[in-house]
């Protein structure tokens, strides 16, 4: 913020901070430290709870959401052997190397369900409950999309949640979240919205999208130059936050 304001052409220009995923927490905390210098926040793929709780989602409902989308054709929350073997999106063939249904039906009840998912990820769910940070760091090293520093989980588990920072500020905050988010639960964002309403945070806006993922499907833009609805909504929010003179000069 200070570096931007030191640039001659940026003096007096409104600054909005944008954060995605972990960045939503970082942006909210930064704004709480310099509330007089930040004109608004744009947050999407929100880390609405502490990472301890959020990581449990990643290893349970979030992980299962991928399989539900690819196989659960009747949308009943479970995957039958028939649905799995029909493989309507070729996910089994392309990604799972034609794995057998029994690999996923861990309790052998004839259905691949959330219960089976948590059995598959039990090692990591137990690691969260027992503060086995070395197990979590090892998972991040091999399975996370990006590298994380040492003690990343340990630091996050001890960190204040995003509401602690959002509750301190009185600026426009746009929160954008997709129901197909496998990394951060939409239920936690809705709970955050309830807190905001109870605290009369009228400048906080929450927008949800039924078919968008953690990135609000930004890959569509790079693949086909089609800007997804979530990102169109973000640009509209930014425009609404800026005075007319800054909209034309941005």
Protein backbone atom coordinates (compact mmCIF):
# COMPACT_ATOMS: atom_id res chain seq x y z
CA UNK A 1 0.00 0.00 0.00
CA UNK A 2 2.74 2.43 0.95
CA UNK A 3 4.79 1.56 -2.13
CA UNK A 4 1.85 2.21 -4.44
CA UNK A 5 1.03 5.52 -2.78
CA UNK A 6 4.64 6.64 -3.16
CA UNK A 7 4.33 6.51 -6.96
CA UNK A 8 3.69 9.99 -8.31
CA UNK A 9 0.77 9.01 -10.54
CA UNK A 10 -0.85 6.97 -7.76
CA UNK A 11 -0.94 9.59 -5.03
CA UNK A 12 -4.49 9.97 -3.79
CA UNK A 13 -5.73 7.07 -5.93
CA UNK A 14 -8.14 4.69 -4.13
CA UNK A 15 -6.63 1.30 -3.37
CA UNK A 16 -8.66 -1.89 -3.24
CA UNK A 17 -7.02 -5.12 -2.13
CA UNK A 18 -7.94 -8.38 -3.84
CA UNK A 19 -7.38 -11.76 -2.26
CA UNK A 20 -8.21 -15.30 -3.30
CA UNK A 21 -8.13 -18.36 -1.03
CA UNK A 22 -5.44 -17.78 1.63
CA UNK A 23 -5.11 -14.30 0.13
CA UNK A 24 -8.55 -13.38 1.46
CA UNK A 25 -7.20 -13.68 5.00
CA UNK A 26 -4.05 -11.75 4.12
CA UNK A 27 -5.98 -8.94 2.43
CA UNK A 28 -8.43 -8.62 5.32
CA UNK A 29 -5.62 -8.50 7.87
CA UNK A 30 -3.70 -5.92 5.81
CA UNK A 31 -6.80 -3.72 5.57
CA UNK A 32 -7.34 -3.93 9.33
CA UNK A 33 -3.79 -2.63 9.86
CA UNK A 34 -4.22 0.38 7.54
CA UNK A 35 -7.98 0.94 7.27
CA UNK A 36 -7.57 4.59 6.33
CA UNK A 37 -5.52 3.66 3.25
CA UNK A 38 -7.74 0.91 1.81
CA UNK A 39 -10.93 1.82 -0.05
CA UNK A 40 -12.32 -1.70 -0.37
CA UNK A 41 -11.69 -5.43 -0.45
CA UNK A 42 -12.41 -8.00 -3.15
CA UNK A 43 -12.38 -11.54 -1.74
CA UNK A 44 -13.12 -14.78 -3.56
CA UNK A 45 -12.66 -18.44 -2.70
CA UNK A 46 -12.86 -17.26 0.92
CA UNK A 47 -10.93 -18.85 3.75
CA UNK A 48 -13.88 -18.05 5.99
CA UNK A 49 -12.76 -20.17 8.95
CA UNK A 50 -9.44 -21.10 10.53
CA UNK A 51 -7.41 -23.44 8.31
CA UNK A 52 -7.75 -26.26 10.85
CA UNK A 53 -11.47 -26.45 10.16
CA UNK A 54 -11.07 -25.62 6.50
CA UNK A 55 -8.53 -28.39 5.88
CA UNK A 56 -10.98 -30.92 7.26
CA UNK A 57 -13.36 -29.80 4.52
CA UNK A 58 -10.62 -30.22 1.91
CA UNK A 59 -10.14 -33.80 3.08
CA UNK A 60 -13.85 -34.66 3.28
CA UNK A 61 -16.70 -32.84 1.53
CA UNK A 62 -14.35 -30.88 -0.69
CA UNK A 63 -12.50 -33.97 -1.89
CA UNK A 64 -15.77 -35.83 -2.44
CA UNK A 65 -17.22 -32.91 -4.43
CA UNK A 66 -14.88 -33.77 -7.30
CA UNK A 67 -16.22 -37.32 -7.52
CA UNK A 68 -19.81 -36.19 -7.11
CA UNK A 69 -19.46 -33.83 -10.05
CA UNK A 70 -17.93 -36.48 -12.30
CA UNK A 71 -20.06 -39.50 -11.34
CA UNK A 72 -23.19 -38.62 -9.31
CA UNK A 73 -25.55 -38.28 -12.25
CA UNK A 74 -28.76 -38.43 -10.18
CA UNK A 75 -27.40 -35.86 -7.67
CA UNK A 76 -28.33 -37.88 -4.58
CA UNK A 77 -25.00 -37.38 -2.81
CA UNK A 78 -23.67 -40.91 -3.35
CA UNK A 79 -22.11 -42.76 -6.28
CA UNK A 80 -23.30 -46.22 -7.25
CA UNK A 81 -21.17 -48.81 -9.01
CA UNK A 82 -23.25 -48.31 -12.14
CA UNK A 83 -22.69 -44.53 -12.11
CA UNK A 84 -18.99 -45.05 -11.51
CA UNK A 85 -18.54 -47.53 -14.34
CA UNK A 86 -20.53 -45.47 -16.84
CA UNK A 87 -17.95 -42.71 -16.27
CA UNK A 88 -19.92 -39.98 -18.09
CA UNK A 89 -17.02 -37.48 -18.07
CA UNK A 90 -14.24 -40.02 -18.72
CA UNK A 91 -12.76 -39.09 -15.34
CA UNK A 92 -12.20 -42.71 -14.35
CA UNK A 93 -10.44 -43.43 -17.60
CA UNK A 94 -8.35 -40.26 -17.80
CA UNK A 95 -7.52 -39.55 -14.16
CA UNK A 96 -8.20 -42.69 -12.12
CA UNK A 97 -6.51 -45.08 -14.57
CA UNK A 98 -9.68 -47.18 -14.73
CA UNK A 99 -9.53 -47.98 -11.03
CA UNK A 100 -12.06 -50.48 -9.76
CA UNK A 101 -15.11 -49.33 -7.81
CA UNK A 102 -14.04 -51.34 -4.75
CA UNK A 103 -11.03 -49.05 -4.32
CA UNK A 104 -13.44 -46.26 -3.35
CA UNK A 105 -16.24 -48.25 -1.69
CA UNK A 106 -14.19 -48.71 1.48
CA UNK A 107 -17.06 -49.93 3.65
CA UNK A 108 -18.30 -52.34 0.95
CA UNK A 109 -21.90 -51.16 1.16
CA UNK A 110 -22.32 -50.81 -2.61
CA UNK A 111 -21.99 -47.02 -2.74
CA UNK A 112 -19.14 -44.54 -2.79
CA UNK A 113 -20.15 -41.92 -0.22
CA UNK A 114 -18.73 -39.19 1.98
CA UNK A 115 -18.12 -41.84 4.65
CA UNK A 116 -15.85 -43.70 2.24
CA UNK A 117 -14.08 -40.46 1.38
CA UNK A 118 -13.23 -39.79 5.01
CA UNK A 119 -11.95 -43.34 5.33
CA UNK A 120 -9.64 -42.71 2.39
CA UNK A 121 -8.33 -39.48 3.94
CA UNK A 122 -8.40 -40.59 7.59
CA UNK A 123 -4.65 -40.21 7.98
CA UNK A 124 -4.86 -36.49 7.26
CA UNK A 125 -8.04 -35.88 9.23
CA UNK A 126 -6.37 -37.52 12.23
CA UNK A 127 -3.26 -35.41 11.65
CA UNK A 128 -5.37 -32.25 11.90
CA UNK A 129 -6.94 -33.36 15.17
CA UNK A 130 -3.60 -34.44 16.64
CA UNK A 131 -1.43 -31.56 15.41
CA UNK A 132 0.75 -33.90 13.37
CA UNK A 133 2.18 -31.06 11.33
CA UNK A 134 4.90 -33.18 9.74
CA UNK A 135 2.20 -35.33 8.10
CA UNK A 136 0.40 -32.27 6.78
CA UNK A 137 3.59 -30.66 5.52
CA UNK A 138 4.48 -33.91 3.71
CA UNK A 139 1.03 -33.89 2.07
CA UNK A 140 1.52 -30.28 0.95
CA UNK A 141 4.91 -31.11 -0.54
CA UNK A 142 3.50 -33.80 -2.81
CA UNK A 143 -0.14 -32.86 -3.32
CA UNK A 144 -0.69 -29.12 -2.88
CA UNK A 145 -0.94 -26.94 -5.97
CA UNK A 146 1.79 -24.63 -4.69
CA UNK A 147 4.75 -24.95 -2.33
CA UNK A 148 4.14 -23.89 1.26
CA UNK A 149 6.83 -22.76 3.72
CA UNK A 150 7.89 -24.71 6.79
CA UNK A 151 5.41 -24.50 9.68
CA UNK A 152 2.70 -23.21 7.33
CA UNK A 153 0.03 -25.43 8.90
CA UNK A 154 1.28 -24.74 12.42
CA UNK A 155 1.15 -20.98 11.86
CA UNK A 156 -2.28 -21.12 10.22
CA UNK A 157 -3.84 -23.28 12.93
CA UNK A 158 -2.80 -20.64 15.48
CA UNK A 159 -3.92 -17.71 13.32
CA UNK A 160 -6.97 -15.54 13.91
CA UNK A 161 -9.88 -16.20 11.52
CA UNK A 162 -10.86 -13.68 8.88
CA UNK A 163 -13.82 -12.31 10.81
CA UNK A 164 -11.49 -10.94 13.49
CA UNK A 165 -10.13 -8.56 10.84
CA UNK A 166 -13.29 -7.88 8.84
CA UNK A 167 -15.13 -6.93 12.02
CA UNK A 168 -12.64 -4.09 12.57
CA UNK A 169 -13.11 -2.30 9.25
CA UNK A 170 -15.88 -0.23 7.73
CA UNK A 171 -15.18 -0.26 4.00
CA UNK A 172 -16.88 -1.99 1.04
CA UNK A 173 -16.06 -5.70 1.04
CA UNK A 174 -17.16 -7.94 -1.81
CA UNK A 175 -17.22 -11.66 -1.05
CA UNK A 176 -17.61 -13.96 -4.08
CA UNK A 177 -17.86 -17.72 -3.73
CA UNK A 178 -18.78 -20.75 -5.82
CA UNK A 179 -20.80 -23.74 -4.65
CA UNK A 180 -18.39 -26.04 -6.50
CA UNK A 181 -15.45 -24.85 -4.40
CA UNK A 182 -13.47 -27.93 -3.32
CA UNK A 183 -11.00 -25.96 -1.20
CA UNK A 184 -13.24 -23.72 0.91
CA UNK A 185 -16.81 -24.56 1.95
CA UNK A 186 -19.61 -22.28 0.85
CA UNK A 187 -21.40 -23.06 4.14
CA UNK A 188 -18.62 -21.27 6.04
CA UNK A 189 -19.04 -18.20 3.83
CA UNK A 190 -22.79 -18.18 4.46
CA UNK A 191 -22.05 -18.36 8.20
CA UNK A 192 -19.69 -15.39 7.75
CA UNK A 193 -22.49 -13.51 6.01
CA UNK A 194 -24.76 -14.10 9.01
CA UNK A 195 -22.09 -12.67 11.31
CA UNK A 196 -21.77 -9.63 9.08
CA UNK A 197 -25.51 -9.05 9.06
CA UNK A 198 -25.73 -9.46 12.85
CA UNK A 199 -22.93 -6.92 13.23
CA UNK A 200 -24.74 -4.59 10.78
CA UNK A 201 -21.82 -4.62 8.35
CA UNK A 202 -23.94 -3.14 5.56
CA UNK A 203 -20.93 -2.51 3.31
CA UNK A 204 -20.18 -6.21 3.02
CA UNK A 205 -21.68 -7.84 -0.06
CA UNK A 206 -21.92 -11.61 -0.57
CA UNK A 207 -22.45 -13.12 -4.01
CA UNK A 208 -22.74 -16.86 -4.66
CA UNK A 209 -22.52 -18.91 -7.86
CA UNK A 210 -23.95 -22.41 -8.17
CA UNK A 211 -21.56 -23.72 -10.83
CA UNK A 212 -18.24 -22.00 -10.09
CA UNK A 213 -15.17 -23.41 -8.35
CA UNK A 214 -12.44 -22.06 -6.03
CA UNK A 215 -11.08 -19.77 -8.76
CA UNK A 216 -14.56 -18.78 -9.96
CA UNK A 217 -13.62 -20.80 -13.06
CA UNK A 218 -11.00 -18.32 -14.27
CA UNK A 219 -9.52 -21.05 -16.51
CA UNK A 220 -12.40 -20.36 -18.91
CA UNK A 221 -10.89 -16.97 -19.64
CA UNK A 222 -7.47 -18.37 -20.50
CA UNK A 223 -8.92 -21.23 -22.54
CA UNK A 224 -11.62 -19.37 -24.47
CA UNK A 225 -11.37 -15.69 -23.50
CA UNK A 226 -14.73 -16.06 -21.78
CA UNK A 227 -14.85 -14.12 -18.51
CA UNK A 228 -16.88 -16.16 -15.99
CA UNK A 229 -19.84 -14.65 -14.17
CA UNK A 230 -17.94 -14.46 -10.89
CA UNK A 231 -15.19 -12.30 -12.33
CA UNK A 232 -17.69 -10.11 -14.19
CA UNK A 233 -19.36 -9.53 -10.82
CA UNK A 234 -16.00 -8.64 -9.29
CA UNK A 235 -15.33 -5.96 -11.92
CA UNK A 236 -18.81 -4.55 -11.38
CA UNK A 237 -18.20 -4.39 -7.63
CA UNK A 238 -14.90 -2.58 -8.20
CA UNK A 239 -16.61 -0.06 -10.47
CA UNK A 240 -19.28 0.55 -7.84
CA UNK A 241 -16.61 1.20 -5.21
CA UNK A 242 -14.80 3.85 -7.25
CA UNK A 243 -15.78 7.48 -7.77
CA UNK A 244 -16.68 8.30 -11.36
CA UNK A 245 -13.32 9.98 -12.05
CA UNK A 246 -11.43 6.85 -11.02
CA UNK A 247 -13.63 4.54 -13.07
CA UNK A 248 -12.59 6.32 -16.26
CA UNK A 249 -8.90 6.46 -15.29
CA UNK A 250 -8.37 2.96 -13.89
